[in-house]
Amino acid sequence: MEVVKGLDLERYMGRWYEIASFPSFFQPKNGQDTRATYTLNQDGTVHVVNETYTDGKKVSIEGTAYKANPNSDEAKLKVKFYLPPFLPIIPVTGDYWVLYIDEDYQYVLVGGGPSKKYLWVLCRQTQLDDETYNFLMEKAKEFGYDVSKLHKTPQSDSPPEGDNTPKDTKGIWWIKSLFGK
């Protein structure tokens, strides 16, 4: 599968809002205002903070992304998180392949590697116009993804900020997800 070549990691850093994704066990099923914040570390790796809000509480997990092949110019990254989020002891690594990004780095299509099991549409804004969204759906189809599996993520025009939102420190959503709820 072809991916973006020559991704400018510095331009890629910052906040991205999830517009749509394939449902997965590692994200709450009823999450909203889901976003990822990327910060470039001095060693060239990326600090990842994924956040979502479910049942009025903020759920987050931190991880690290790094180039799968440091000698390649392909945007094939690996992301490592530790699970469960409330007692991080088990390392879990996944693929994060940038399949398409616009020249202004405002929206992106990300796949979870060759399995086509994961797909994300991310944007710098909380909303993405229909024309751009449909363009990204066509791109995803070209890569062989079944876009009918995509679930649009509810996003507020003014998403929550700061630390005054209650947090799910017990990982209840994660335990429920193991049982498909």
N, C-alpha and C. Protein backbone atom coordinates (compact mmCIF):
# COMPACT_ATOMS: atom_id res chain seq x y z
N MET A 1 0.85 -1.18 0.00
CA MET A 1 0.00 0.00 0.00
C MET A 1 0.90 1.24 0.00
N GLU A 2 0.63 2.15 -0.91
CA GLU A 2 1.41 3.39 -0.98
C GLU A 2 0.98 4.32 0.15
N VAL A 3 1.95 4.97 0.74
CA VAL A 3 1.69 5.95 1.78
C VAL A 3 2.35 7.25 1.39
N VAL A 4 2.09 8.29 2.16
CA VAL A 4 2.72 9.59 1.93
C VAL A 4 4.23 9.44 2.08
N LYS A 5 4.96 10.08 1.21
CA LYS A 5 6.42 10.10 1.31
C LYS A 5 6.86 11.51 1.68
N GLY A 6 7.89 11.59 2.52
CA GLY A 6 8.43 12.89 2.91
C GLY A 6 7.54 13.68 3.84
N LEU A 7 6.81 13.01 4.71
CA LEU A 7 5.95 13.70 5.69
C LEU A 7 6.81 14.62 6.55
N ASP A 8 6.41 15.88 6.66
CA ASP A 8 7.10 16.85 7.50
C ASP A 8 6.55 16.71 8.92
N LEU A 9 7.28 15.99 9.75
CA LEU A 9 6.80 15.71 11.11
C LEU A 9 6.55 16.98 11.91
N GLU A 10 7.39 17.99 11.73
CA GLU A 10 7.19 19.24 12.48
C GLU A 10 5.85 19.88 12.13
N ARG A 11 5.49 19.88 10.85
CA ARG A 11 4.20 20.44 10.44
C ARG A 11 3.04 19.57 10.90
N TYR A 12 3.30 18.28 11.06
CA TYR A 12 2.26 17.33 11.45
C TYR A 12 1.90 17.45 12.94
N MET A 13 2.81 18.00 13.72
CA MET A 13 2.59 18.10 15.16
C MET A 13 1.41 19.03 15.46
N GLY A 14 0.86 18.84 16.66
CA GLY A 14 -0.25 19.67 17.11
C GLY A 14 -1.51 18.86 17.30
N ARG A 15 -2.63 19.54 17.33
CA ARG A 15 -3.93 18.94 17.62
C ARG A 15 -4.63 18.52 16.34
N TRP A 16 -5.18 17.31 16.36
CA TRP A 16 -6.00 16.77 15.27
C TRP A 16 -7.30 16.26 15.88
N TYR A 17 -8.42 16.59 15.25
CA TYR A 17 -9.73 16.12 15.71
C TYR A 17 -10.16 14.94 14.86
N GLU A 18 -10.71 13.93 15.52
CA GLU A 18 -11.18 12.75 14.81
C GLU A 18 -12.55 13.06 14.20
N ILE A 19 -12.62 13.00 12.88
CA ILE A 19 -13.87 13.24 12.17
C ILE A 19 -14.64 11.94 12.01
N ALA A 20 -13.91 10.86 11.76
CA ALA A 20 -14.52 9.53 11.61
C ALA A 20 -13.45 8.48 11.84
N SER A 21 -13.90 7.29 12.20
CA SER A 21 -12.96 6.18 12.39
C SER A 21 -13.70 4.85 12.32
N PHE A 22 -12.95 3.78 12.10
CA PHE A 22 -13.50 2.45 12.25
C PHE A 22 -13.60 2.19 13.75
N PRO A 23 -14.72 1.70 14.24
CA PRO A 23 -14.82 1.36 15.66
C PRO A 23 -13.75 0.33 16.04
N SER A 24 -13.20 0.51 17.24
CA SER A 24 -12.17 -0.42 17.71
C SER A 24 -12.33 -0.63 19.21
N PHE A 25 -11.77 -1.71 19.69
CA PHE A 25 -11.91 -2.04 21.11
C PHE A 25 -11.16 -1.06 22.00
N PHE A 26 -10.17 -0.36 21.46
CA PHE A 26 -9.36 0.51 22.30
C PHE A 26 -9.87 1.95 22.35
N GLN A 27 -11.05 2.20 21.78
CA GLN A 27 -11.68 3.50 21.91
C GLN A 27 -13.09 3.30 22.44
N PRO A 28 -13.54 4.17 23.35
CA PRO A 28 -14.92 4.04 23.85
C PRO A 28 -15.92 4.12 22.70
N LYS A 29 -16.93 3.27 22.75
CA LYS A 29 -17.92 3.20 21.68
C LYS A 29 -18.75 4.49 21.57
N ASN A 30 -18.95 5.18 22.70
CA ASN A 30 -19.77 6.39 22.70
C ASN A 30 -18.92 7.64 22.89
N GLY A 31 -17.66 7.59 22.48
CA GLY A 31 -16.77 8.74 22.63
C GLY A 31 -17.17 9.90 21.74
N GLN A 32 -16.93 11.09 22.24
CA GLN A 32 -17.18 12.29 21.44
C GLN A 32 -16.06 13.29 21.72
N ASP A 33 -15.96 14.29 20.86
CA ASP A 33 -14.88 15.28 20.97
C ASP A 33 -13.51 14.59 21.05
N THR A 34 -13.37 13.53 20.27
CA THR A 34 -12.14 12.74 20.27
C THR A 34 -11.06 13.50 19.50
N ARG A 35 -9.86 13.50 20.06
CA ARG A 35 -8.76 14.22 19.45
C ARG A 35 -7.42 13.60 19.82
N ALA A 36 -6.44 13.94 19.01
CA ALA A 36 -5.06 13.50 19.26
C ALA A 36 -4.17 14.72 19.24
N THR A 37 -3.23 14.76 20.16
CA THR A 37 -2.25 15.84 20.19
C THR A 37 -0.87 15.22 20.10
N TYR A 38 -0.11 15.69 19.12
CA TYR A 38 1.23 15.16 18.85
C TYR A 38 2.27 16.22 19.15
N THR A 39 3.33 15.81 19.85
CA THR A 39 4.44 16.69 20.19
C THR A 39 5.74 15.98 19.82
N LEU A 40 6.59 16.67 19.08
CA LEU A 40 7.86 16.09 18.66
C LEU A 40 8.84 16.09 19.82
N ASN A 41 9.40 14.92 20.11
CA ASN A 41 10.42 14.79 21.16
C ASN A 41 11.79 15.09 20.57
N GLN A 42 12.74 15.39 21.43
CA GLN A 42 14.10 15.72 20.98
C GLN A 42 14.75 14.57 20.22
N ASP A 43 14.38 13.33 20.55
CA ASP A 43 15.00 12.17 19.89
C ASP A 43 14.33 11.82 18.57
N GLY A 44 13.37 12.64 18.12
CA GLY A 44 12.71 12.39 16.84
C GLY A 44 11.45 11.55 16.95
N THR A 45 11.17 11.00 18.13
CA THR A 45 9.92 10.28 18.34
C THR A 45 8.82 11.31 18.61
N VAL A 46 7.59 10.83 18.65
CA VAL A 46 6.45 11.72 18.84
C VAL A 46 5.69 11.29 20.10
N HIS A 47 5.46 12.27 20.98
CA HIS A 47 4.61 12.02 22.15
C HIS A 47 3.17 12.13 21.69
N VAL A 48 2.36 11.12 21.99
CA VAL A 48 0.97 11.04 21.55
C VAL A 48 0.05 11.10 22.76
N VAL A 49 -0.95 11.97 22.69
CA VAL A 49 -2.00 12.01 23.72
C VAL A 49 -3.33 11.90 22.98
N ASN A 50 -4.03 10.79 23.18
CA ASN A 50 -5.36 10.60 22.61
C ASN A 50 -6.38 10.83 23.72
N GLU A 51 -7.39 11.66 23.41
CA GLU A 51 -8.42 11.99 24.39
C GLU A 51 -9.79 11.84 23.76
N THR A 52 -10.75 11.43 24.57
CA THR A 52 -12.14 11.41 24.16
C THR A 52 -12.98 11.63 25.41
N TYR A 53 -14.23 11.96 25.20
CA TYR A 53 -15.15 12.20 26.31
C TYR A 53 -16.29 11.20 26.20
N THR A 54 -16.55 10.50 27.29
CA THR A 54 -17.60 9.50 27.30
C THR A 54 -18.31 9.55 28.65
N ASP A 55 -19.64 9.54 28.62
CA ASP A 55 -20.45 9.61 29.84
C ASP A 55 -20.04 10.79 30.73
N GLY A 56 -19.69 11.92 30.11
CA GLY A 56 -19.33 13.13 30.84
C GLY A 56 -17.94 13.14 31.43
N LYS A 57 -17.13 12.12 31.10
CA LYS A 57 -15.78 12.05 31.65
C LYS A 57 -14.75 11.99 30.53
N LYS A 58 -13.59 12.57 30.84
CA LYS A 58 -12.48 12.54 29.88
C LYS A 58 -11.70 11.24 30.05
N VAL A 59 -11.46 10.60 28.91
CA VAL A 59 -10.66 9.38 28.87
C VAL A 59 -9.44 9.70 28.02
N SER A 60 -8.26 9.36 28.49
CA SER A 60 -7.07 9.64 27.69
C SER A 60 -6.05 8.53 27.84
N ILE A 61 -5.17 8.48 26.87
CA ILE A 61 -4.07 7.53 26.91
C ILE A 61 -2.88 8.19 26.21
N GLU A 62 -1.70 7.95 26.74
CA GLU A 62 -0.48 8.53 26.17
C GLU A 62 0.37 7.42 25.58
N GLY A 63 1.09 7.77 24.55
CA GLY A 63 1.96 6.80 23.91
C GLY A 63 3.09 7.50 23.16
N THR A 64 3.80 6.71 22.38
CA THR A 64 4.92 7.19 21.60
C THR A 64 4.81 6.65 20.19
N ALA A 65 5.06 7.54 19.21
CA ALA A 65 5.10 7.12 17.81
C ALA A 65 6.53 7.28 17.30
N TYR A 66 6.90 6.42 16.36
CA TYR A 66 8.24 6.48 15.79
C TYR A 66 8.20 5.87 14.39
N LYS A 67 9.15 6.23 13.56
CA LYS A 67 9.19 5.72 12.21
C LYS A 67 9.43 4.21 12.24
N ALA A 68 8.65 3.46 11.48
CA ALA A 68 8.82 2.01 11.42
C ALA A 68 10.20 1.66 10.85
N ASN A 69 10.62 2.42 9.84
CA ASN A 69 11.94 2.25 9.24
C ASN A 69 12.61 3.61 9.20
N PRO A 70 13.56 3.87 10.10
CA PRO A 70 14.17 5.20 10.17
C PRO A 70 14.87 5.63 8.87
N ASN A 71 15.21 4.68 8.01
CA ASN A 71 15.91 5.00 6.77
C ASN A 71 14.98 5.23 5.59
N SER A 72 13.68 5.12 5.81
CA SER A 72 12.70 5.28 4.73
C SER A 72 12.06 6.67 4.81
N ASP A 73 11.65 7.19 3.65
CA ASP A 73 10.92 8.47 3.65
C ASP A 73 9.41 8.24 3.66
N GLU A 74 8.98 6.97 3.81
CA GLU A 74 7.56 6.65 3.86
C GLU A 74 6.98 7.01 5.23
N ALA A 75 5.74 7.50 5.23
CA ALA A 75 5.05 7.88 6.47
C ALA A 75 4.41 6.65 7.11
N LYS A 76 5.23 5.66 7.40
CA LYS A 76 4.80 4.47 8.11
C LYS A 76 5.37 4.55 9.52
N LEU A 77 4.48 4.80 10.46
CA LEU A 77 4.89 4.93 11.85
C LEU A 77 4.38 3.76 12.66
N LYS A 78 4.99 3.57 13.78
CA LYS A 78 4.53 2.63 14.80
C LYS A 78 4.11 3.48 16.00
N VAL A 79 3.05 3.07 16.67
CA VAL A 79 2.59 3.75 17.87
C VAL A 79 2.56 2.73 18.99
N LYS A 80 3.14 3.11 20.13
CA LYS A 80 3.15 2.20 21.28
C LYS A 80 2.41 2.84 22.44
N PHE A 81 1.44 2.09 22.96
CA PHE A 81 0.69 2.48 24.16
C PHE A 81 0.87 1.38 25.19
N TYR A 82 0.59 1.71 26.44
CA TYR A 82 0.61 0.70 27.50
C TYR A 82 -0.80 0.55 28.04
N LEU A 83 -1.26 -0.69 28.14
CA LEU A 83 -2.61 -1.00 28.59
C LEU A 83 -2.57 -1.83 29.86
N PRO A 84 -3.65 -1.85 30.59
CA PRO A 84 -4.81 -0.98 30.47
C PRO A 84 -4.44 0.44 30.88
N PRO A 85 -5.21 1.44 30.43
CA PRO A 85 -4.83 2.83 30.69
C PRO A 85 -4.76 3.18 32.17
N PHE A 86 -5.53 2.49 33.01
CA PHE A 86 -5.54 2.80 34.44
C PHE A 86 -4.41 2.11 35.19
N LEU A 87 -3.72 1.15 34.56
CA LEU A 87 -2.59 0.44 35.16
C LEU A 87 -1.67 0.03 34.01
N PRO A 88 -0.98 0.98 33.42
CA PRO A 88 -0.24 0.71 32.18
C PRO A 88 0.95 -0.23 32.37
N ILE A 89 0.74 -1.50 31.99
CA ILE A 89 1.81 -2.48 32.13
C ILE A 89 2.07 -3.29 30.87
N ILE A 90 1.09 -3.37 29.98
CA ILE A 90 1.22 -4.20 28.79
C ILE A 90 1.47 -3.31 27.57
N PRO A 91 2.66 -3.42 26.95
CA PRO A 91 2.90 -2.60 25.76
C PRO A 91 2.14 -3.15 24.55
N VAL A 92 1.48 -2.26 23.84
CA VAL A 92 0.75 -2.62 22.63
C VAL A 92 1.24 -1.69 21.52
N THR A 93 1.70 -2.29 20.43
CA THR A 93 2.21 -1.50 19.31
C THR A 93 1.33 -1.72 18.09
N GLY A 94 1.05 -0.63 17.38
CA GLY A 94 0.24 -0.71 16.18
C GLY A 94 0.81 0.15 15.07
N ASP A 95 0.31 -0.08 13.87
CA ASP A 95 0.72 0.70 12.71
C ASP A 95 -0.08 1.99 12.62
N TYR A 96 0.58 3.03 12.16
CA TYR A 96 -0.03 4.34 11.93
C TYR A 96 0.55 4.81 10.60
N TRP A 97 -0.20 4.57 9.53
CA TRP A 97 0.28 4.90 8.19
C TRP A 97 -0.49 6.10 7.65
N VAL A 98 0.24 7.16 7.30
CA VAL A 98 -0.38 8.34 6.72
C VAL A 98 -0.59 8.05 5.24
N LEU A 99 -1.86 7.84 4.87
CA LEU A 99 -2.21 7.47 3.50
C LEU A 99 -2.36 8.68 2.59
N TYR A 100 -2.88 9.76 3.16
CA TYR A 100 -3.06 10.99 2.38
C TYR A 100 -3.09 12.17 3.34
N ILE A 101 -2.44 13.27 2.93
CA ILE A 101 -2.53 14.52 3.67
C ILE A 101 -2.55 15.66 2.66
N ASP A 102 -3.35 16.68 2.93
CA ASP A 102 -3.41 17.81 2.01
C ASP A 102 -2.12 18.63 2.15
N GLU A 103 -1.84 19.45 1.17
CA GLU A 103 -0.57 20.19 1.17
C GLU A 103 -0.46 21.21 2.29
N ASP A 104 -1.60 21.62 2.87
CA ASP A 104 -1.57 22.57 3.99
C ASP A 104 -1.58 21.89 5.36
N TYR A 105 -1.57 20.56 5.36
CA TYR A 105 -1.58 19.78 6.61
C TYR A 105 -2.80 20.14 7.47
N GLN A 106 -3.98 20.16 6.83
CA GLN A 106 -5.22 20.49 7.53
C GLN A 106 -6.14 19.28 7.71
N TYR A 107 -6.01 18.26 6.86
CA TYR A 107 -6.78 17.04 7.01
C TYR A 107 -5.95 15.86 6.51
N VAL A 108 -6.25 14.70 7.08
CA VAL A 108 -5.40 13.55 6.82
C VAL A 108 -6.23 12.26 6.89
N LEU A 109 -5.80 11.28 6.11
CA LEU A 109 -6.37 9.94 6.13
C LEU A 109 -5.28 9.02 6.66
N VAL A 110 -5.58 8.32 7.75
CA VAL A 110 -4.60 7.46 8.41
C VAL A 110 -5.13 6.04 8.46
N GLY A 111 -4.29 5.10 8.07
CA GLY A 111 -4.65 3.69 8.12
C GLY A 111 -3.83 2.97 9.17
N GLY A 112 -4.34 1.83 9.59
CA GLY A 112 -3.67 1.03 10.61
C GLY A 112 -2.84 -0.09 10.00
N GLY A 113 -2.15 0.19 8.91
CA GLY A 113 -1.27 -0.80 8.32
C GLY A 113 -1.95 -1.63 7.25
N PRO A 114 -1.29 -2.70 6.83
CA PRO A 114 -1.78 -3.49 5.70
C PRO A 114 -3.07 -4.26 5.96
N SER A 115 -3.44 -4.43 7.21
CA SER A 115 -4.64 -5.22 7.53
C SER A 115 -5.93 -4.51 7.15
N LYS A 116 -5.88 -3.20 7.02
CA LYS A 116 -7.06 -2.37 6.72
C LYS A 116 -8.14 -2.51 7.79
N LYS A 117 -7.70 -2.84 8.99
CA LYS A 117 -8.61 -3.02 10.12
C LYS A 117 -8.96 -1.69 10.79
N TYR A 118 -8.09 -0.70 10.61
CA TYR A 118 -8.28 0.59 11.25
C TYR A 118 -8.17 1.69 10.22
N LEU A 119 -8.98 2.73 10.40
CA LEU A 119 -8.96 3.89 9.52
C LEU A 119 -9.45 5.10 10.30
N TRP A 120 -8.75 6.22 10.12
CA TRP A 120 -9.14 7.46 10.77
C TRP A 120 -9.13 8.60 9.77
N VAL A 121 -10.10 9.48 9.92
CA VAL A 121 -10.12 10.75 9.20
C VAL A 121 -9.92 11.81 10.28
N LEU A 122 -8.83 12.57 10.14
CA LEU A 122 -8.49 13.59 11.13
C LEU A 122 -8.45 14.95 10.47
N CYS A 123 -8.72 15.99 11.27
CA CYS A 123 -8.74 17.35 10.74
C CYS A 123 -8.26 18.31 11.83
N ARG A 124 -7.69 19.41 11.43
CA ARG A 124 -7.24 20.43 12.39
C ARG A 124 -8.43 21.16 13.03
N GLN A 125 -9.58 21.12 12.36
CA GLN A 125 -10.80 21.76 12.86
C GLN A 125 -11.74 20.65 13.35
N THR A 126 -12.75 21.03 14.13
CA THR A 126 -13.69 20.04 14.66
C THR A 126 -14.67 19.53 13.61
N GLN A 127 -14.79 20.26 12.50
CA GLN A 127 -15.71 19.86 11.43
C GLN A 127 -14.96 19.83 10.11
N LEU A 128 -15.42 18.99 9.20
CA LEU A 128 -14.83 18.87 7.87
C LEU A 128 -15.96 18.97 6.86
N ASP A 129 -15.79 19.82 5.85
CA ASP A 129 -16.86 20.00 4.88
C ASP A 129 -17.12 18.71 4.10
N ASP A 130 -18.34 18.57 3.60
CA ASP A 130 -18.76 17.34 2.91
C ASP A 130 -17.90 17.03 1.69
N GLU A 131 -17.53 18.05 0.94
CA GLU A 131 -16.74 17.83 -0.27
C GLU A 131 -15.38 17.19 0.07
N THR A 132 -14.72 17.71 1.09
CA THR A 132 -13.43 17.16 1.50
C THR A 132 -13.60 15.76 2.08
N TYR A 133 -14.64 15.59 2.90
CA TYR A 133 -14.89 14.27 3.48
C TYR A 133 -15.13 13.24 2.38
N ASN A 134 -15.95 13.58 1.40
CA ASN A 134 -16.22 12.65 0.29
C ASN A 134 -14.97 12.37 -0.53
N PHE A 135 -14.11 13.37 -0.70
CA PHE A 135 -12.83 13.17 -1.38
C PHE A 135 -11.99 12.14 -0.63
N LEU A 136 -11.94 12.27 0.70
CA LEU A 136 -11.17 11.32 1.51
C LEU A 136 -11.78 9.92 1.48
N MET A 137 -13.11 9.85 1.37
CA MET A 137 -13.76 8.53 1.25
C MET A 137 -13.34 7.86 -0.05
N GLU A 138 -13.25 8.62 -1.13
CA GLU A 138 -12.81 8.06 -2.41
C GLU A 138 -11.37 7.58 -2.31
N LYS A 139 -10.52 8.36 -1.64
CA LYS A 139 -9.12 7.96 -1.43
C LYS A 139 -9.07 6.64 -0.65
N ALA A 140 -9.86 6.55 0.41
CA ALA A 140 -9.88 5.34 1.24
C ALA A 140 -10.31 4.14 0.41
N LYS A 141 -11.31 4.32 -0.44
CA LYS A 141 -11.76 3.22 -1.31
C LYS A 141 -10.65 2.79 -2.25
N GLU A 142 -9.88 3.77 -2.77
CA GLU A 142 -8.76 3.44 -3.65
C GLU A 142 -7.73 2.57 -2.93
N PHE A 143 -7.61 2.76 -1.63
CA PHE A 143 -6.68 1.95 -0.83
C PHE A 143 -7.29 0.61 -0.43
N GLY A 144 -8.55 0.39 -0.80
CA GLY A 144 -9.20 -0.88 -0.50
C GLY A 144 -9.96 -0.94 0.80
N TYR A 145 -10.25 0.21 1.41
CA TYR A 145 -11.01 0.24 2.67
C TYR A 145 -12.50 0.20 2.39
N ASP A 146 -13.22 -0.49 3.26
CA ASP A 146 -14.68 -0.52 3.21
C ASP A 146 -15.18 0.67 4.04
N VAL A 147 -15.44 1.79 3.38
CA VAL A 147 -15.79 3.01 4.10
C VAL A 147 -17.17 2.94 4.77
N SER A 148 -17.96 1.92 4.44
CA SER A 148 -19.25 1.78 5.12
C SER A 148 -19.07 1.47 6.61
N LYS A 149 -17.87 1.04 7.01
CA LYS A 149 -17.58 0.75 8.41
C LYS A 149 -17.25 2.01 9.22
N LEU A 150 -17.02 3.13 8.52
CA LEU A 150 -16.66 4.36 9.23
C LEU A 150 -17.79 4.87 10.10
N HIS A 151 -17.43 5.31 11.26
CA HIS A 151 -18.37 5.90 12.21
C HIS A 151 -17.95 7.36 12.40
N LYS A 152 -18.88 8.28 12.12
CA LYS A 152 -18.56 9.70 12.32
C LYS A 152 -18.52 10.00 13.81
N THR A 153 -17.50 10.73 14.22
CA THR A 153 -17.29 11.06 15.62
C THR A 153 -17.99 12.37 15.95
N PRO A 154 -18.90 12.37 16.93
CA PRO A 154 -19.53 13.64 17.32
C PRO A 154 -18.48 14.63 17.84
N GLN A 155 -18.48 15.82 17.27
CA GLN A 155 -17.55 16.87 17.68
C GLN A 155 -18.34 18.14 17.99
N SER A 156 -18.03 18.75 19.12
CA SER A 156 -18.62 20.04 19.48
C SER A 156 -17.90 21.14 18.72
N ASP A 157 -18.61 22.22 18.44
CA ASP A 157 -17.93 23.37 17.84
C ASP A 157 -16.92 23.97 18.80
N SER A 158 -17.20 23.85 20.10
CA SER A 158 -16.27 24.31 21.14
C SER A 158 -15.98 23.13 22.06
N PRO A 159 -15.00 22.30 21.69
CA PRO A 159 -14.72 21.12 22.50
C PRO A 159 -14.17 21.48 23.88
N PRO A 160 -14.35 20.60 24.84
CA PRO A 160 -13.86 20.87 26.20
C PRO A 160 -12.34 21.11 26.19
N GLU A 161 -11.91 22.00 27.04
CA GLU A 161 -10.48 22.28 27.20
C GLU A 161 -10.16 22.27 28.69
N GLY A 162 -8.91 22.10 29.00
CA GLY A 162 -8.46 22.18 30.39
C GLY A 162 -8.70 20.89 31.15
N ASP A 163 -8.39 20.96 32.42
CA ASP A 163 -8.47 19.77 33.27
C ASP A 163 -9.64 19.80 34.24
N ASN A 164 -10.66 20.65 33.99
CA ASN A 164 -11.78 20.71 34.92
C ASN A 164 -12.89 19.72 34.59
N THR A 165 -12.67 18.84 33.61
CA THR A 165 -13.63 17.79 33.28
C THR A 165 -13.27 16.56 34.11
N PRO A 166 -14.26 15.90 34.72
CA PRO A 166 -13.94 14.68 35.47
C PRO A 166 -13.27 13.64 34.57
N LYS A 167 -12.33 12.88 35.15
CA LYS A 167 -11.61 11.88 34.39
C LYS A 167 -12.05 10.48 34.78
N ASP A 168 -12.03 9.57 33.82
CA ASP A 168 -12.30 8.16 34.08
C ASP A 168 -10.98 7.53 34.53
N THR A 169 -10.69 7.60 35.82
CA THR A 169 -9.41 7.09 36.32
C THR A 169 -9.45 5.59 36.57
N LYS A 170 -10.63 5.01 36.57
CA LYS A 170 -10.74 3.57 36.82
C LYS A 170 -10.72 2.76 35.54
N GLY A 171 -10.81 3.40 34.38
CA GLY A 171 -10.78 2.68 33.12
C GLY A 171 -12.03 1.86 32.87
N ILE A 172 -13.17 2.33 33.39
CA ILE A 172 -14.43 1.60 33.24
C ILE A 172 -14.75 1.35 31.77
N TRP A 173 -14.55 2.38 30.90
CA TRP A 173 -14.84 2.21 29.47
C TRP A 173 -14.00 1.09 28.87
N TRP A 174 -12.74 1.00 29.32
CA TRP A 174 -11.84 0.00 28.76
C TRP A 174 -12.29 -1.41 29.15
N ILE A 175 -12.69 -1.56 30.39
CA ILE A 175 -13.18 -2.87 30.86
C ILE A 175 -14.45 -3.24 30.10
N LYS A 176 -15.38 -2.28 29.93
CA LYS A 176 -16.60 -2.54 29.15
C LYS A 176 -16.27 -2.95 27.72
N SER A 177 -15.26 -2.30 27.14
CA SER A 177 -14.93 -2.58 25.74
C SER A 177 -14.47 -4.02 25.55
N LEU A 178 -13.86 -4.60 26.57
CA LEU A 178 -13.42 -5.99 26.48
C LEU A 178 -14.60 -6.95 26.32
N PHE A 179 -15.77 -6.49 26.79
CA PHE A 179 -16.97 -7.31 26.70
C PHE A 179 -17.90 -6.84 25.59
N GLY A 180 -17.38 -5.95 24.72
CA GLY A 180 -18.14 -5.51 23.56
C GLY A 180 -19.23 -4.52 23.87
N LYS A 181 -19.12 -3.81 24.99
CA LYS A 181 -20.17 -2.84 25.35
C LYS A 181 -19.68 -1.42 25.17
